[in-house]
Amino acid sequence: QVQVVESGGGLVQAGESLRLSCTASGMTNSINPMSWYRQAPGKQREFVAIISLGGTTAYADSVKGRFTLSRDNAKNTVYLQMNSLKPEDTAVYYCKASTDSRPRYDYWGQGTQVTVSA
C-alpha cells in the first residue's frame, strides 16, 4: 500500500504564491508519475500537472507558466510551486501517486484547500 499526504494549502491574495508538497510513503518502489489535480466547488476534478520519475513535466494550459512541479525522489516528495495565483485557482488540490505496473494503481491524498481572494 501507498499513503499520499499533501500539505501547504492556505488562503492568499491574488498575485501571491503558495507551495504545495506531496509525500508518498509505504510501498513506493513502483511509483512513477505523481500528479496534481484540483476540484473547485460545483466542478469536476481537473488535471493540473504531472511529473515522471525522471523529472519530465506536463501542465494544464490554465496553469502553464505560473505553476512549477518538481520532485525529490530521495524523499518521495513532489512540490507544486504556484505563482501569480488567481481567484479561479481556488480549489481543493489533490495529489496522486501512480504505479508504472500493469495494471496501474493510483493512490490519492486527502486534498489540501487553496483559497485565493481577489
N, C-alpha and C. Protein backbone atom coordinates (compact mmCIF):
# COMPACT_ATOMS: atom_id res chain seq x y z
N GLN A 1 0.84 -1.21 0.00
CA GLN A 1 0.00 0.00 0.00
C GLN A 1 0.87 1.25 0.00
N VAL A 2 0.29 2.30 -0.53
CA VAL A 2 0.97 3.58 -0.60
C VAL A 2 0.08 4.63 0.06
N GLN A 3 0.68 5.44 0.89
CA GLN A 3 -0.04 6.55 1.50
C GLN A 3 0.47 7.85 0.88
N VAL A 4 -0.48 8.74 0.62
CA VAL A 4 -0.15 10.02 -0.01
C VAL A 4 -0.67 11.14 0.89
N VAL A 5 0.20 12.07 1.22
CA VAL A 5 -0.19 13.17 2.11
C VAL A 5 0.22 14.49 1.49
N GLU A 6 -0.75 15.39 1.37
CA GLU A 6 -0.47 16.73 0.85
C GLU A 6 -0.39 17.73 2.00
N SER A 7 0.30 18.82 1.74
CA SER A 7 0.36 19.91 2.71
C SER A 7 0.67 21.20 1.97
N GLY A 8 0.47 22.32 2.66
CA GLY A 8 0.88 23.61 2.10
C GLY A 8 -0.23 24.50 1.62
N GLY A 9 -1.47 24.03 1.70
CA GLY A 9 -2.56 24.88 1.26
C GLY A 9 -2.78 26.05 2.20
N GLY A 10 -3.64 26.96 1.78
CA GLY A 10 -3.92 28.11 2.63
C GLY A 10 -4.70 29.17 1.89
N LEU A 11 -4.79 30.32 2.54
CA LEU A 11 -5.51 31.47 1.98
C LEU A 11 -4.49 32.54 1.59
N VAL A 12 -4.54 32.96 0.33
CA VAL A 12 -3.65 34.00 -0.14
C VAL A 12 -4.43 34.99 -0.98
N GLN A 13 -3.81 36.12 -1.27
CA GLN A 13 -4.43 37.10 -2.15
C GLN A 13 -3.97 36.85 -3.58
N ALA A 14 -4.76 37.34 -4.50
CA ALA A 14 -4.42 37.22 -5.91
C ALA A 14 -3.03 37.81 -6.16
N GLY A 15 -2.26 37.09 -6.96
CA GLY A 15 -0.91 37.53 -7.27
C GLY A 15 0.16 36.94 -6.37
N GLU A 16 -0.25 36.37 -5.25
CA GLU A 16 0.71 35.79 -4.33
C GLU A 16 1.04 34.35 -4.72
N SER A 17 1.90 33.73 -3.90
CA SER A 17 2.39 32.39 -4.22
C SER A 17 2.12 31.43 -3.06
N LEU A 18 2.08 30.16 -3.41
CA LEU A 18 1.99 29.08 -2.43
C LEU A 18 2.79 27.90 -2.96
N ARG A 19 3.31 27.09 -2.05
CA ARG A 19 3.96 25.85 -2.46
C ARG A 19 3.28 24.69 -1.76
N LEU A 20 2.79 23.78 -2.56
CA LEU A 20 2.19 22.56 -2.04
C LEU A 20 3.22 21.43 -2.07
N SER A 21 3.15 20.58 -1.07
CA SER A 21 4.01 19.40 -1.02
C SER A 21 3.15 18.15 -0.99
N CYS A 22 3.69 17.11 -1.53
CA CYS A 22 3.00 15.81 -1.53
C CYS A 22 4.05 14.73 -1.33
N THR A 23 3.86 13.92 -0.29
CA THR A 23 4.79 12.86 0.02
C THR A 23 4.10 11.51 -0.04
N ALA A 24 4.73 10.58 -0.75
CA ALA A 24 4.24 9.20 -0.81
C ALA A 24 5.08 8.35 0.13
N SER A 25 4.43 7.46 0.85
CA SER A 25 5.15 6.57 1.76
C SER A 25 4.55 5.17 1.65
N GLY A 26 5.27 4.22 2.21
CA GLY A 26 4.82 2.83 2.13
C GLY A 26 5.57 2.12 1.01
N MET A 27 4.84 1.36 0.22
CA MET A 27 5.45 0.58 -0.86
C MET A 27 5.59 1.46 -2.09
N THR A 28 6.61 2.31 -2.09
CA THR A 28 6.77 3.31 -3.15
C THR A 28 7.69 2.86 -4.27
N ASN A 29 8.17 1.63 -4.22
CA ASN A 29 9.14 1.18 -5.24
C ASN A 29 8.62 1.31 -6.66
N SER A 30 7.32 1.08 -6.84
CA SER A 30 6.77 1.08 -8.19
C SER A 30 6.11 2.40 -8.57
N ILE A 31 6.23 3.40 -7.70
CA ILE A 31 5.62 4.70 -8.02
C ILE A 31 6.44 5.39 -9.09
N ASN A 32 5.78 5.85 -10.14
CA ASN A 32 6.47 6.60 -11.17
C ASN A 32 5.87 7.97 -11.29
N PRO A 33 4.82 8.20 -12.10
CA PRO A 33 4.34 9.57 -12.17
C PRO A 33 3.59 9.97 -10.91
N MET A 34 3.79 11.22 -10.55
CA MET A 34 2.99 11.83 -9.50
C MET A 34 2.36 13.08 -10.10
N SER A 35 1.13 13.31 -9.72
CA SER A 35 0.41 14.39 -10.37
C SER A 35 -0.48 15.14 -9.38
N TRP A 36 -0.90 16.30 -9.81
CA TRP A 36 -1.81 17.13 -9.04
C TRP A 36 -3.09 17.34 -9.83
N TYR A 37 -4.17 17.28 -9.12
CA TYR A 37 -5.48 17.60 -9.66
C TYR A 37 -6.11 18.61 -8.72
N ARG A 38 -7.16 19.26 -9.18
CA ARG A 38 -7.88 20.16 -8.30
C ARG A 38 -9.38 20.10 -8.59
N GLN A 39 -10.13 20.43 -7.56
CA GLN A 39 -11.57 20.42 -7.71
C GLN A 39 -12.16 21.64 -7.02
N ALA A 40 -12.76 22.48 -7.82
CA ALA A 40 -13.44 23.67 -7.30
C ALA A 40 -14.88 23.31 -6.95
N PRO A 41 -15.51 24.08 -6.08
CA PRO A 41 -16.90 23.78 -5.70
C PRO A 41 -17.81 23.72 -6.92
N GLY A 42 -18.57 22.65 -7.01
CA GLY A 42 -19.53 22.51 -8.10
C GLY A 42 -18.92 22.11 -9.43
N LYS A 43 -17.62 21.83 -9.44
CA LYS A 43 -16.96 21.47 -10.69
C LYS A 43 -16.33 20.09 -10.58
N GLN A 44 -16.01 19.53 -11.73
CA GLN A 44 -15.34 18.24 -11.75
C GLN A 44 -13.86 18.40 -11.42
N ARG A 45 -13.29 17.34 -10.92
CA ARG A 45 -11.85 17.34 -10.66
C ARG A 45 -11.12 17.47 -11.99
N GLU A 46 -10.09 18.32 -12.02
CA GLU A 46 -9.36 18.54 -13.26
C GLU A 46 -7.86 18.39 -13.05
N PHE A 47 -7.21 17.99 -14.10
CA PHE A 47 -5.76 17.80 -14.10
C PHE A 47 -5.05 19.14 -13.98
N VAL A 48 -3.96 19.15 -13.20
CA VAL A 48 -3.16 20.37 -13.06
C VAL A 48 -1.75 20.17 -13.63
N ALA A 49 -1.07 19.14 -13.13
CA ALA A 49 0.31 18.92 -13.56
C ALA A 49 0.73 17.51 -13.22
N ILE A 50 1.76 17.04 -13.93
CA ILE A 50 2.29 15.69 -13.71
C ILE A 50 3.79 15.71 -13.88
N ILE A 51 4.46 14.84 -13.13
CA ILE A 51 5.90 14.73 -13.24
C ILE A 51 6.28 13.26 -13.19
N SER A 52 7.19 12.87 -14.08
CA SER A 52 7.66 11.49 -14.12
C SER A 52 8.81 11.30 -13.15
N LEU A 53 9.20 10.06 -12.97
CA LEU A 53 10.33 9.75 -12.09
C LEU A 53 11.58 10.47 -12.57
N GLY A 54 11.70 10.62 -13.87
CA GLY A 54 12.87 11.28 -14.44
C GLY A 54 12.78 12.79 -14.48
N GLY A 55 11.64 13.34 -14.05
CA GLY A 55 11.52 14.79 -13.97
C GLY A 55 10.82 15.45 -15.15
N THR A 56 10.32 14.66 -16.07
CA THR A 56 9.56 15.24 -17.18
C THR A 56 8.21 15.72 -16.68
N THR A 57 7.85 16.93 -17.07
CA THR A 57 6.61 17.53 -16.56
C THR A 57 5.66 17.89 -17.69
N ALA A 58 4.40 18.00 -17.32
CA ALA A 58 3.36 18.49 -18.22
C ALA A 58 2.35 19.24 -17.37
N TYR A 59 1.76 20.27 -17.97
CA TYR A 59 0.86 21.14 -17.22
C TYR A 59 -0.43 21.38 -17.98
N ALA A 60 -1.48 21.66 -17.24
CA ALA A 60 -2.71 22.14 -17.86
C ALA A 60 -2.45 23.54 -18.40
N ASP A 61 -3.12 23.87 -19.47
CA ASP A 61 -2.92 25.18 -20.09
C ASP A 61 -3.22 26.31 -19.10
N SER A 62 -4.17 26.08 -18.22
CA SER A 62 -4.60 27.13 -17.30
C SER A 62 -3.53 27.51 -16.28
N VAL A 63 -2.55 26.66 -16.07
CA VAL A 63 -1.51 26.94 -15.07
C VAL A 63 -0.12 27.05 -15.69
N LYS A 64 -0.01 26.77 -16.96
CA LYS A 64 1.30 26.80 -17.61
C LYS A 64 1.92 28.18 -17.49
N GLY A 65 3.18 28.20 -17.11
CA GLY A 65 3.87 29.47 -16.94
C GLY A 65 3.73 30.06 -15.55
N ARG A 66 2.80 29.55 -14.76
CA ARG A 66 2.61 30.05 -13.40
C ARG A 66 2.95 29.00 -12.35
N PHE A 67 2.69 27.75 -12.64
CA PHE A 67 2.94 26.64 -11.71
C PHE A 67 4.17 25.87 -12.18
N THR A 68 4.93 25.41 -11.21
CA THR A 68 6.10 24.58 -11.50
C THR A 68 6.10 23.37 -10.57
N LEU A 69 6.22 22.20 -11.18
CA LEU A 69 6.22 20.95 -10.42
C LEU A 69 7.63 20.39 -10.41
N SER A 70 8.10 20.05 -9.22
CA SER A 70 9.42 19.46 -9.08
C SER A 70 9.33 18.23 -8.19
N ARG A 71 10.43 17.50 -8.13
CA ARG A 71 10.37 16.20 -7.45
C ARG A 71 11.69 15.92 -6.76
N ASP A 72 11.61 15.39 -5.54
CA ASP A 72 12.77 14.89 -4.80
C ASP A 72 12.56 13.40 -4.62
N ASN A 73 13.18 12.61 -5.47
CA ASN A 73 12.95 11.17 -5.44
C ASN A 73 13.44 10.52 -4.15
N ALA A 74 14.48 11.08 -3.57
CA ALA A 74 15.01 10.51 -2.32
C ALA A 74 13.98 10.63 -1.19
N LYS A 75 13.13 11.65 -1.28
CA LYS A 75 12.12 11.87 -0.25
C LYS A 75 10.73 11.43 -0.71
N ASN A 76 10.63 10.91 -1.93
CA ASN A 76 9.32 10.55 -2.50
C ASN A 76 8.34 11.70 -2.38
N THR A 77 8.83 12.88 -2.66
CA THR A 77 8.04 14.09 -2.48
C THR A 77 8.05 14.92 -3.75
N VAL A 78 6.90 15.48 -4.07
CA VAL A 78 6.80 16.44 -5.16
C VAL A 78 6.35 17.77 -4.60
N TYR A 79 6.75 18.83 -5.28
CA TYR A 79 6.44 20.18 -4.85
C TYR A 79 5.76 20.92 -6.00
N LEU A 80 4.64 21.53 -5.70
CA LEU A 80 3.94 22.34 -6.70
C LEU A 80 4.07 23.80 -6.30
N GLN A 81 4.94 24.51 -6.98
CA GLN A 81 5.12 25.93 -6.73
C GLN A 81 4.10 26.69 -7.56
N MET A 82 3.25 27.44 -6.89
CA MET A 82 2.17 28.15 -7.58
C MET A 82 2.40 29.64 -7.42
N ASN A 83 2.68 30.29 -8.52
CA ASN A 83 2.92 31.74 -8.53
C ASN A 83 1.78 32.46 -9.24
N SER A 84 1.71 33.75 -9.02
CA SER A 84 0.69 34.58 -9.68
C SER A 84 -0.69 33.96 -9.57
N LEU A 85 -1.04 33.59 -8.35
CA LEU A 85 -2.31 32.90 -8.14
C LEU A 85 -3.49 33.81 -8.46
N LYS A 86 -4.53 33.17 -8.97
CA LYS A 86 -5.76 33.87 -9.36
C LYS A 86 -6.93 33.31 -8.56
N PRO A 87 -7.98 34.08 -8.40
CA PRO A 87 -9.16 33.56 -7.69
C PRO A 87 -9.68 32.25 -8.29
N GLU A 88 -9.54 32.10 -9.59
CA GLU A 88 -10.02 30.87 -10.23
C GLU A 88 -9.14 29.66 -9.93
N ASP A 89 -8.03 29.87 -9.26
CA ASP A 89 -7.22 28.74 -8.80
C ASP A 89 -7.75 28.16 -7.49
N THR A 90 -8.73 28.80 -6.90
CA THR A 90 -9.31 28.32 -5.66
C THR A 90 -9.92 26.94 -5.86
N ALA A 91 -9.49 26.00 -5.06
CA ALA A 91 -9.95 24.61 -5.19
C ALA A 91 -9.31 23.78 -4.09
N VAL A 92 -9.79 22.56 -3.97
CA VAL A 92 -9.07 21.56 -3.18
C VAL A 92 -8.09 20.88 -4.14
N TYR A 93 -6.85 20.86 -3.74
CA TYR A 93 -5.81 20.27 -4.58
C TYR A 93 -5.48 18.87 -4.07
N TYR A 94 -5.51 17.93 -4.99
CA TYR A 94 -5.26 16.53 -4.66
C TYR A 94 -4.00 16.04 -5.36
N CYS A 95 -3.22 15.27 -4.64
CA CYS A 95 -2.04 14.65 -5.20
C CYS A 95 -2.34 13.18 -5.50
N LYS A 96 -1.82 12.71 -6.61
CA LYS A 96 -1.99 11.31 -6.98
C LYS A 96 -0.64 10.70 -7.29
N ALA A 97 -0.39 9.54 -6.69
CA ALA A 97 0.81 8.77 -6.99
C ALA A 97 0.38 7.53 -7.76
N SER A 98 1.01 7.29 -8.89
CA SER A 98 0.61 6.18 -9.75
C SER A 98 1.76 5.20 -9.92
N THR A 99 1.42 3.94 -10.00
CA THR A 99 2.44 2.93 -10.27
C THR A 99 2.67 2.83 -11.76
N ASP A 100 3.82 2.27 -12.14
CA ASP A 100 4.07 2.02 -13.55
C ASP A 100 3.90 0.55 -13.86
N SER A 101 3.14 -0.13 -13.01
CA SER A 101 2.86 -1.55 -13.21
C SER A 101 1.63 -1.72 -14.10
N ARG A 102 1.38 -2.96 -14.49
CA ARG A 102 0.17 -3.30 -15.24
C ARG A 102 -0.57 -4.38 -14.46
N PRO A 103 -1.77 -4.13 -13.94
CA PRO A 103 -2.48 -2.87 -14.10
C PRO A 103 -1.87 -1.75 -13.26
N ARG A 104 -2.19 -0.54 -13.63
CA ARG A 104 -1.72 0.62 -12.88
C ARG A 104 -2.60 0.84 -11.67
N TYR A 105 -1.97 1.25 -10.57
CA TYR A 105 -2.71 1.62 -9.38
C TYR A 105 -2.48 3.10 -9.09
N ASP A 106 -3.55 3.76 -8.69
CA ASP A 106 -3.48 5.17 -8.33
C ASP A 106 -3.78 5.33 -6.85
N TYR A 107 -2.99 6.16 -6.20
CA TYR A 107 -3.20 6.44 -4.78
C TYR A 107 -3.38 7.94 -4.61
N TRP A 108 -4.46 8.30 -3.97
CA TRP A 108 -4.82 9.71 -3.81
C TRP A 108 -4.60 10.17 -2.37
N GLY A 109 -4.23 11.43 -2.25
CA GLY A 109 -4.19 12.06 -0.94
C GLY A 109 -5.56 12.59 -0.56
N GLN A 110 -5.63 13.17 0.62
CA GLN A 110 -6.91 13.64 1.13
C GLN A 110 -7.27 15.04 0.63
N GLY A 111 -6.31 15.72 0.03
CA GLY A 111 -6.54 17.04 -0.51
C GLY A 111 -6.15 18.15 0.45
N THR A 112 -5.80 19.28 -0.13
CA THR A 112 -5.47 20.47 0.66
C THR A 112 -6.14 21.68 0.01
N GLN A 113 -6.74 22.51 0.83
CA GLN A 113 -7.53 23.64 0.32
C GLN A 113 -6.61 24.80 -0.04
N VAL A 114 -6.83 25.34 -1.22
CA VAL A 114 -6.17 26.57 -1.65
C VAL A 114 -7.27 27.59 -1.96
N THR A 115 -7.20 28.71 -1.29
CA THR A 115 -8.18 29.78 -1.50
C THR A 115 -7.45 31.05 -1.88
N VAL A 116 -7.84 31.62 -3.01
CA VAL A 116 -7.22 32.84 -3.49
C VAL A 116 -8.28 33.94 -3.51
N SER A 117 -8.06 34.96 -2.73
CA SER A 117 -9.02 36.06 -2.68
C SER A 117 -8.64 37.14 -3.68
N ALA A 118 -9.66 37.81 -4.17
CA ALA A 118 -9.43 38.84 -5.20
C ALA A 118 -8.84 40.11 -4.61
